[in-house]
Amino acid sequence: MLRYGLLLASLAAIFWGISPIFQKRALRDMGLLELNATRGFGVLLMLLPVLFVAGRGVWLPGVSSYLTIIFIVLVNNLIGDVLAFIAIRDIGASLATPITDSYPLAVAVISWLWFGETITSFVLLGTFLVVSGLVLLNLRGAAKHSSQQVNYLRGVASAALAGLCWAFGLSLSKYLTLHGVSSAAFIFWRGAFFCLMAWGNWALFKVFRREKTRSLKDIPSGARVTSALSGATSLTLGAWCYTTGITLIPMNVATPIATSAPLITALIACVFMGERLRFVQWSGIVFVVVGAVVVSL
């Protein structure tokens, strides 16, 4: 069971590492609001096999479970994800992802206070490495223009806040799994509520702020497909691997493994999207990934 849990956490890292690349590409042809809405198409497509496999098992044990999942969607996907999109737009996927994926620090504290999970010396050492990596990631030369500096600071702040939102949402996910909610049921209802909220949010802006909201049919088909892929990889495949994994291994072990995603994101962003990192920033990414591995020990 331990090896299976570690494997699922590693697969979650892969899916979550690929997703920001899709998001960065989609943002070239659409805004943040449209990105969140078109991600719903990928989520909806992935929900069909979940429903087919789980059947009646997708029903939740009580009304409070539905309300908790709605709150998770609000915090994680309508607030946290939009903050992450802003960070990716302002500072690039290769820098934004390691900052957002520092949330294991918050998860470790929450899991200790809430679930009584142990904070070991490995967790402390891994935390030190992750924090050091984040410091290295943010060592860069002065911006040539004040507007660039403002965008950079906004991107870093948005990434950090997104990480906090995700940590809180993941902790609530752990709470649900401890109270009889299966991974399939959680993924299905979170995806369903996400689609309703994302499309509803887009529709409201389309009605009341038409001049700032594009019609989804006017977005290039390639961008819509890319955005849908980001939703499928992050909100269904990656989420299912992670949610199932934390039922087999402690959350403060599974979460740091999943946060090795920044290395995958940085490699793809630099090779295929033309992003460039300095040596010190590559060192920061390595620190974050090594810290995640150390915590898992």
Protein backbone atom coordinates (compact mmCIF):
# COMPACT_ATOMS: atom_id res chain seq x y z
CA MET A 1 0.00 0.00 0.00
CA LEU A 2 2.90 2.33 0.78
CA ARG A 3 4.45 1.86 -2.66
CA TYR A 4 1.07 2.35 -4.31
CA GLY A 5 0.54 5.58 -2.38
CA LEU A 6 3.99 6.87 -3.35
CA LEU A 7 3.33 5.96 -7.00
CA LEU A 8 0.03 7.85 -7.02
CA ALA A 9 1.68 10.92 -5.46
CA SER A 10 4.38 10.79 -8.16
CA LEU A 11 1.76 10.56 -10.92
CA ALA A 12 -0.01 13.56 -9.40
CA ALA A 13 3.28 15.47 -9.69
CA ILE A 14 3.52 14.63 -13.38
CA PHE A 15 -0.04 15.69 -14.16
CA TRP A 16 0.27 18.87 -12.09
CA GLY A 17 3.60 19.66 -13.72
CA ILE A 18 2.16 19.48 -17.22
CA SER A 19 -0.97 21.51 -16.48
CA PRO A 20 0.71 24.97 -16.10
CA ILE A 21 2.27 24.55 -19.54
CA PHE A 22 -1.17 24.10 -21.08
CA GLN A 23 -2.41 27.12 -19.10
CA LYS A 24 0.48 29.32 -20.23
CA ARG A 25 -0.16 28.40 -23.84
CA ALA A 26 -3.92 29.00 -23.55
CA LEU A 27 -3.39 32.44 -21.97
CA ARG A 28 -1.91 33.67 -25.25
CA ASP A 29 -5.38 33.59 -26.82
CA MET A 30 -7.76 34.16 -23.90
CA GLY A 31 -8.15 35.92 -20.57
CA LEU A 32 -8.26 34.49 -17.07
CA LEU A 33 -12.06 34.25 -17.03
CA GLU A 34 -12.21 32.38 -20.32
CA LEU A 35 -9.41 30.05 -19.23
CA ASN A 36 -11.30 28.98 -16.14
CA ALA A 37 -14.47 28.42 -18.17
CA THR A 38 -12.86 26.42 -20.98
CA ARG A 39 -11.01 24.23 -18.48
CA GLY A 40 -14.46 22.99 -17.54
CA PHE A 41 -14.83 21.20 -20.90
CA GLY A 42 -11.85 18.98 -20.09
CA VAL A 43 -13.14 18.37 -16.58
CA LEU A 44 -16.61 17.46 -17.85
CA LEU A 45 -15.18 14.99 -20.36
CA MET A 46 -13.19 13.21 -17.64
CA LEU A 47 -16.20 13.01 -15.32
CA LEU A 48 -18.04 10.64 -17.65
CA PRO A 49 -15.68 7.65 -17.09
CA VAL A 50 -15.65 8.42 -13.35
CA LEU A 51 -19.44 8.19 -13.28
CA PHE A 52 -19.38 5.01 -15.35
CA VAL A 53 -16.89 3.27 -13.05
CA ALA A 54 -18.19 4.51 -9.70
CA GLY A 55 -21.92 4.33 -10.44
CA ARG A 56 -23.94 4.92 -7.30
CA GLY A 57 -20.70 5.25 -5.37
CA VAL A 58 -20.48 8.91 -6.38
CA TRP A 59 -23.22 9.87 -3.92
CA LEU A 60 -21.91 11.62 -0.81
CA PRO A 61 -22.84 10.65 2.78
CA GLY A 62 -24.54 13.93 3.72
CA VAL A 63 -25.40 17.53 2.84
CA SER A 64 -22.36 18.82 4.72
CA SER A 65 -20.10 16.89 2.32
CA TYR A 66 -21.63 18.66 -0.68
CA LEU A 67 -21.25 22.05 1.01
CA THR A 68 -17.61 21.31 1.90
CA ILE A 69 -16.80 20.41 -1.70
CA ILE A 70 -18.47 23.59 -2.93
CA PHE A 71 -16.28 25.55 -0.51
CA ILE A 72 -13.18 23.68 -1.73
CA VAL A 73 -14.01 24.60 -5.33
CA LEU A 74 -14.44 28.24 -4.33
CA VAL A 75 -11.13 28.42 -2.44
CA ASN A 76 -9.03 26.15 -4.66
CA ASN A 77 -10.30 26.68 -8.18
CA LEU A 78 -12.06 30.05 -8.33
CA ILE A 79 -9.64 31.92 -6.06
CA GLY A 80 -6.46 29.86 -5.85
CA ASP A 81 -6.31 28.87 -9.51
CA VAL A 82 -7.04 32.38 -10.77
CA LEU A 83 -4.22 33.69 -8.57
CA ALA A 84 -1.98 31.02 -10.10
CA PHE A 85 -3.01 32.11 -13.61
CA ILE A 86 -2.05 35.69 -12.76
CA ALA A 87 1.34 34.47 -11.53
CA ILE A 88 1.94 32.39 -14.67
CA ARG A 89 1.01 35.36 -16.83
CA ASP A 90 3.26 37.79 -14.93
CA ILE A 91 6.38 35.72 -14.17
CA GLY A 92 6.04 32.61 -16.35
CA ALA A 93 5.24 28.99 -15.61
CA SER A 94 8.82 28.05 -14.73
CA LEU A 95 8.95 30.53 -11.81
CA ALA A 96 5.30 30.61 -10.75
CA THR A 97 4.92 26.85 -10.31
CA PRO A 98 7.71 26.37 -7.73
CA ILE A 99 6.28 29.21 -5.62
CA THR A 100 2.71 27.92 -5.72
CA ASP A 101 3.97 24.41 -5.04
CA SER A 102 5.56 25.46 -1.75
CA TYR A 103 2.20 24.76 -0.11
CA PRO A 104 3.52 21.55 1.58
CA LEU A 105 4.87 23.86 4.27
CA ALA A 106 1.34 24.99 5.10
CA VAL A 107 -0.02 21.46 4.64
CA ALA A 108 2.53 20.06 7.11
CA VAL A 109 1.46 22.57 9.75
CA ILE A 110 -2.27 22.06 9.10
CA SER A 111 -1.94 18.26 9.13
CA TRP A 112 -0.05 18.46 12.45
CA LEU A 113 -2.59 20.79 14.08
CA TRP A 114 -5.73 19.25 12.59
CA PHE A 115 -5.02 15.56 11.98
CA GLY A 116 -2.26 14.96 14.51
CA GLU A 117 0.27 13.84 11.89
CA THR A 118 3.87 13.89 13.08
CA ILE A 119 6.35 16.55 12.01
CA THR A 120 9.64 14.63 11.83
CA SER A 121 13.21 15.83 11.40
CA PHE A 122 12.86 15.02 7.70
CA VAL A 123 9.87 17.33 7.47
CA LEU A 124 11.86 20.12 9.14
CA LEU A 125 14.88 19.59 6.87
CA GLY A 126 12.66 19.41 3.79
CA THR A 127 10.92 22.61 4.87
CA PHE A 128 14.28 24.37 5.17
CA LEU A 129 15.27 23.21 1.67
CA VAL A 130 11.96 24.32 0.15
CA VAL A 131 12.19 27.77 1.76
CA SER A 132 15.82 28.11 0.64
CA GLY A 133 14.80 27.11 -2.87
CA LEU A 134 12.09 29.75 -2.95
CA VAL A 135 14.61 32.39 -1.90
CA LEU A 136 16.96 31.34 -4.72
CA LEU A 137 14.11 31.33 -7.21
CA ASN A 138 13.39 34.96 -6.47
CA LEU A 139 16.96 36.23 -6.78
CA ARG A 140 16.99 38.18 -10.00
CA GLY A 141 18.40 41.38 -11.36
CA ALA A 142 16.59 44.69 -11.03
CA ALA A 143 13.88 45.23 -13.58
CA LYS A 144 14.59 47.73 -16.32
CA HIS A 145 11.20 49.37 -15.95
CA SER A 146 9.10 49.99 -12.87
CA SER A 147 6.09 48.37 -14.55
CA GLN A 148 8.09 45.14 -14.95
CA GLN A 149 8.99 45.22 -11.27
CA VAL A 150 5.33 45.74 -10.29
CA ASN A 151 4.25 42.83 -12.49
CA TYR A 152 6.95 40.63 -11.01
CA LEU A 153 6.01 41.43 -7.41
CA ARG A 154 2.33 40.92 -8.24
CA GLY A 155 3.17 37.58 -9.80
CA VAL A 156 5.17 36.40 -6.78
CA ALA A 157 2.46 37.52 -4.33
CA SER A 158 -0.26 35.87 -6.41
CA ALA A 159 1.69 32.60 -6.54
CA ALA A 160 2.21 32.58 -2.76
CA LEU A 161 -1.46 33.28 -2.05
CA ALA A 162 -2.48 30.56 -4.51
CA GLY A 163 -0.31 28.09 -2.59
CA LEU A 164 -2.05 28.98 0.68
CA CYS A 165 -5.48 28.52 -0.91
CA TRP A 166 -4.46 25.11 -2.26
CA ALA A 167 -3.07 24.02 1.11
CA PHE A 168 -6.36 24.81 2.83
CA GLY A 169 -8.37 23.09 0.12
CA LEU A 170 -6.19 19.97 0.24
CA SER A 171 -6.59 19.80 4.00
CA LEU A 172 -10.37 19.86 3.59
CA SER A 173 -10.01 17.07 1.03
CA LYS A 174 -8.19 14.98 3.63
CA TYR A 175 -11.00 15.72 6.08
CA LEU A 176 -13.57 14.38 3.61
CA THR A 177 -11.62 11.19 2.93
CA LEU A 178 -11.49 10.55 6.69
CA HIS A 179 -15.28 10.85 6.84
CA GLY A 180 -16.20 8.28 4.24
CA VAL A 181 -15.97 10.23 0.97
CA SER A 182 -14.30 8.13 -1.75
CA SER A 183 -11.79 9.56 -4.22
CA ALA A 184 -14.17 8.96 -7.12
CA ALA A 185 -17.06 10.74 -5.37
CA PHE A 186 -14.86 13.67 -4.42
CA ILE A 187 -13.43 14.07 -7.93
CA PHE A 188 -16.86 13.77 -9.54
CA TRP A 189 -18.63 16.35 -7.40
CA ARG A 190 -15.72 18.75 -7.28
CA GLY A 191 -15.55 18.61 -11.08
CA ALA A 192 -19.30 19.05 -11.42
CA PHE A 193 -19.42 22.01 -9.04
CA PHE A 194 -16.36 23.52 -10.70
CA CYS A 195 -18.02 23.41 -14.13
CA LEU A 196 -21.20 25.02 -12.79
CA MET A 197 -19.33 27.77 -10.93
CA ALA A 198 -16.79 28.49 -13.67
CA TRP A 199 -19.41 28.68 -16.41
CA GLY A 200 -21.78 30.65 -14.17
CA ASN A 201 -19.03 33.14 -13.36
CA TRP A 202 -18.22 33.57 -17.06
CA ALA A 203 -21.91 34.01 -17.90
CA LEU A 204 -22.36 36.73 -15.28
CA PHE A 205 -19.41 38.68 -16.62
CA LYS A 206 -20.70 38.15 -20.16
CA VAL A 207 -24.02 39.74 -19.20
CA PHE A 208 -22.81 42.61 -17.01
CA ARG A 209 -19.31 43.30 -18.39
CA ARG A 210 -19.70 42.32 -22.00
CA GLU A 211 -16.87 44.59 -23.17
CA LYS A 212 -14.33 42.67 -21.04
CA THR A 213 -15.59 39.15 -21.71
CA ARG A 214 -15.03 37.20 -24.92
CA SER A 215 -17.42 34.67 -26.35
CA LEU A 216 -15.99 31.18 -25.99
CA LYS A 217 -16.74 30.36 -29.62
CA ASP A 218 -14.50 33.26 -30.71
CA ILE A 219 -11.46 31.72 -28.99
CA PRO A 220 -9.24 29.70 -31.37
CA SER A 221 -10.01 25.98 -31.21
CA GLY A 222 -6.39 25.15 -30.38
CA ALA A 223 -6.52 27.38 -27.31
CA ARG A 224 -9.79 25.80 -26.18
CA VAL A 225 -8.29 22.32 -26.51
CA THR A 226 -5.17 23.35 -24.62
CA SER A 227 -7.23 24.87 -21.83
CA ALA A 228 -9.42 21.75 -21.64
CA LEU A 229 -6.30 19.62 -21.32
CA SER A 230 -5.13 21.75 -18.39
CA GLY A 231 -8.43 21.08 -16.65
CA ALA A 232 -8.32 17.35 -17.36
CA THR A 233 -4.76 16.92 -16.10
CA SER A 234 -4.96 19.06 -12.98
CA LEU A 235 -8.56 18.81 -11.75
CA THR A 236 -9.27 15.18 -12.57
CA LEU A 237 -6.24 12.98 -13.28
CA GLY A 238 -3.83 14.71 -10.91
CA ALA A 239 -6.50 15.28 -8.29
CA TRP A 240 -7.62 11.64 -8.35
CA CYS A 241 -4.05 10.38 -7.94
CA TYR A 242 -3.45 12.75 -5.03
CA THR A 243 -6.78 12.15 -3.28
CA THR A 244 -6.37 8.40 -3.52
CA GLY A 245 -2.75 8.63 -2.43
CA ILE A 246 -3.51 10.44 0.84
CA THR A 247 -5.78 7.58 1.85
CA LEU A 248 -2.76 5.27 1.69
CA ILE A 249 0.07 7.46 3.03
CA PRO A 250 0.13 10.53 5.33
CA MET A 251 -0.81 13.84 3.73
CA ASN A 252 2.47 15.47 4.78
CA VAL A 253 4.26 12.73 2.83
CA ALA A 254 2.09 12.66 -0.31
CA THR A 255 1.94 16.44 -0.69
CA PRO A 256 5.69 17.13 -0.88
CA ILE A 257 6.11 14.36 -3.47
CA ALA A 258 3.40 15.92 -5.58
CA THR A 259 5.22 19.25 -5.41
CA SER A 260 8.14 17.90 -7.43
CA ALA A 261 5.99 19.19 -10.31
CA PRO A 262 8.00 22.46 -10.64
CA LEU A 263 10.98 20.66 -12.13
CA ILE A 264 8.76 19.13 -14.82
CA THR A 265 7.13 22.50 -15.50
CA ALA A 266 10.45 24.36 -15.65
CA LEU A 267 12.03 21.87 -18.06
CA ILE A 268 9.07 21.94 -20.45
CA ALA A 269 8.73 25.75 -20.23
CA CYS A 270 12.39 26.30 -21.04
CA VAL A 271 12.61 23.73 -23.83
CA PHE A 272 9.31 24.37 -25.62
CA MET A 273 8.16 27.86 -24.55
CA GLY A 274 11.38 29.86 -24.64
CA GLU A 275 11.45 30.75 -20.93
CA ARG A 276 14.95 31.27 -19.54
CA LEU A 277 16.17 30.77 -15.99
CA ARG A 278 19.46 31.79 -14.42
CA PHE A 279 21.68 29.22 -12.71
CA VAL A 280 20.64 30.45 -9.27
CA GLN A 281 16.98 29.93 -10.16
CA TRP A 282 17.64 26.41 -11.43
CA SER A 283 19.34 25.82 -8.09
CA GLY A 284 16.19 27.04 -6.36
CA ILE A 285 14.05 24.56 -8.29
CA VAL A 286 16.40 21.73 -7.33
CA PHE A 287 16.20 22.81 -3.67
CA VAL A 288 12.38 22.75 -3.82
CA VAL A 289 12.29 19.30 -5.41
CA VAL A 290 14.93 17.83 -3.08
CA GLY A 291 13.08 19.32 -0.12
CA ALA A 292 9.90 17.63 -1.28
CA VAL A 293 11.70 14.28 -1.51
CA VAL A 294 13.30 14.70 1.92
CA VAL A 295 9.93 15.38 3.51
CA SER A 296 8.60 12.16 1.96
CA LEU A 297 11.30 10.20 3.80
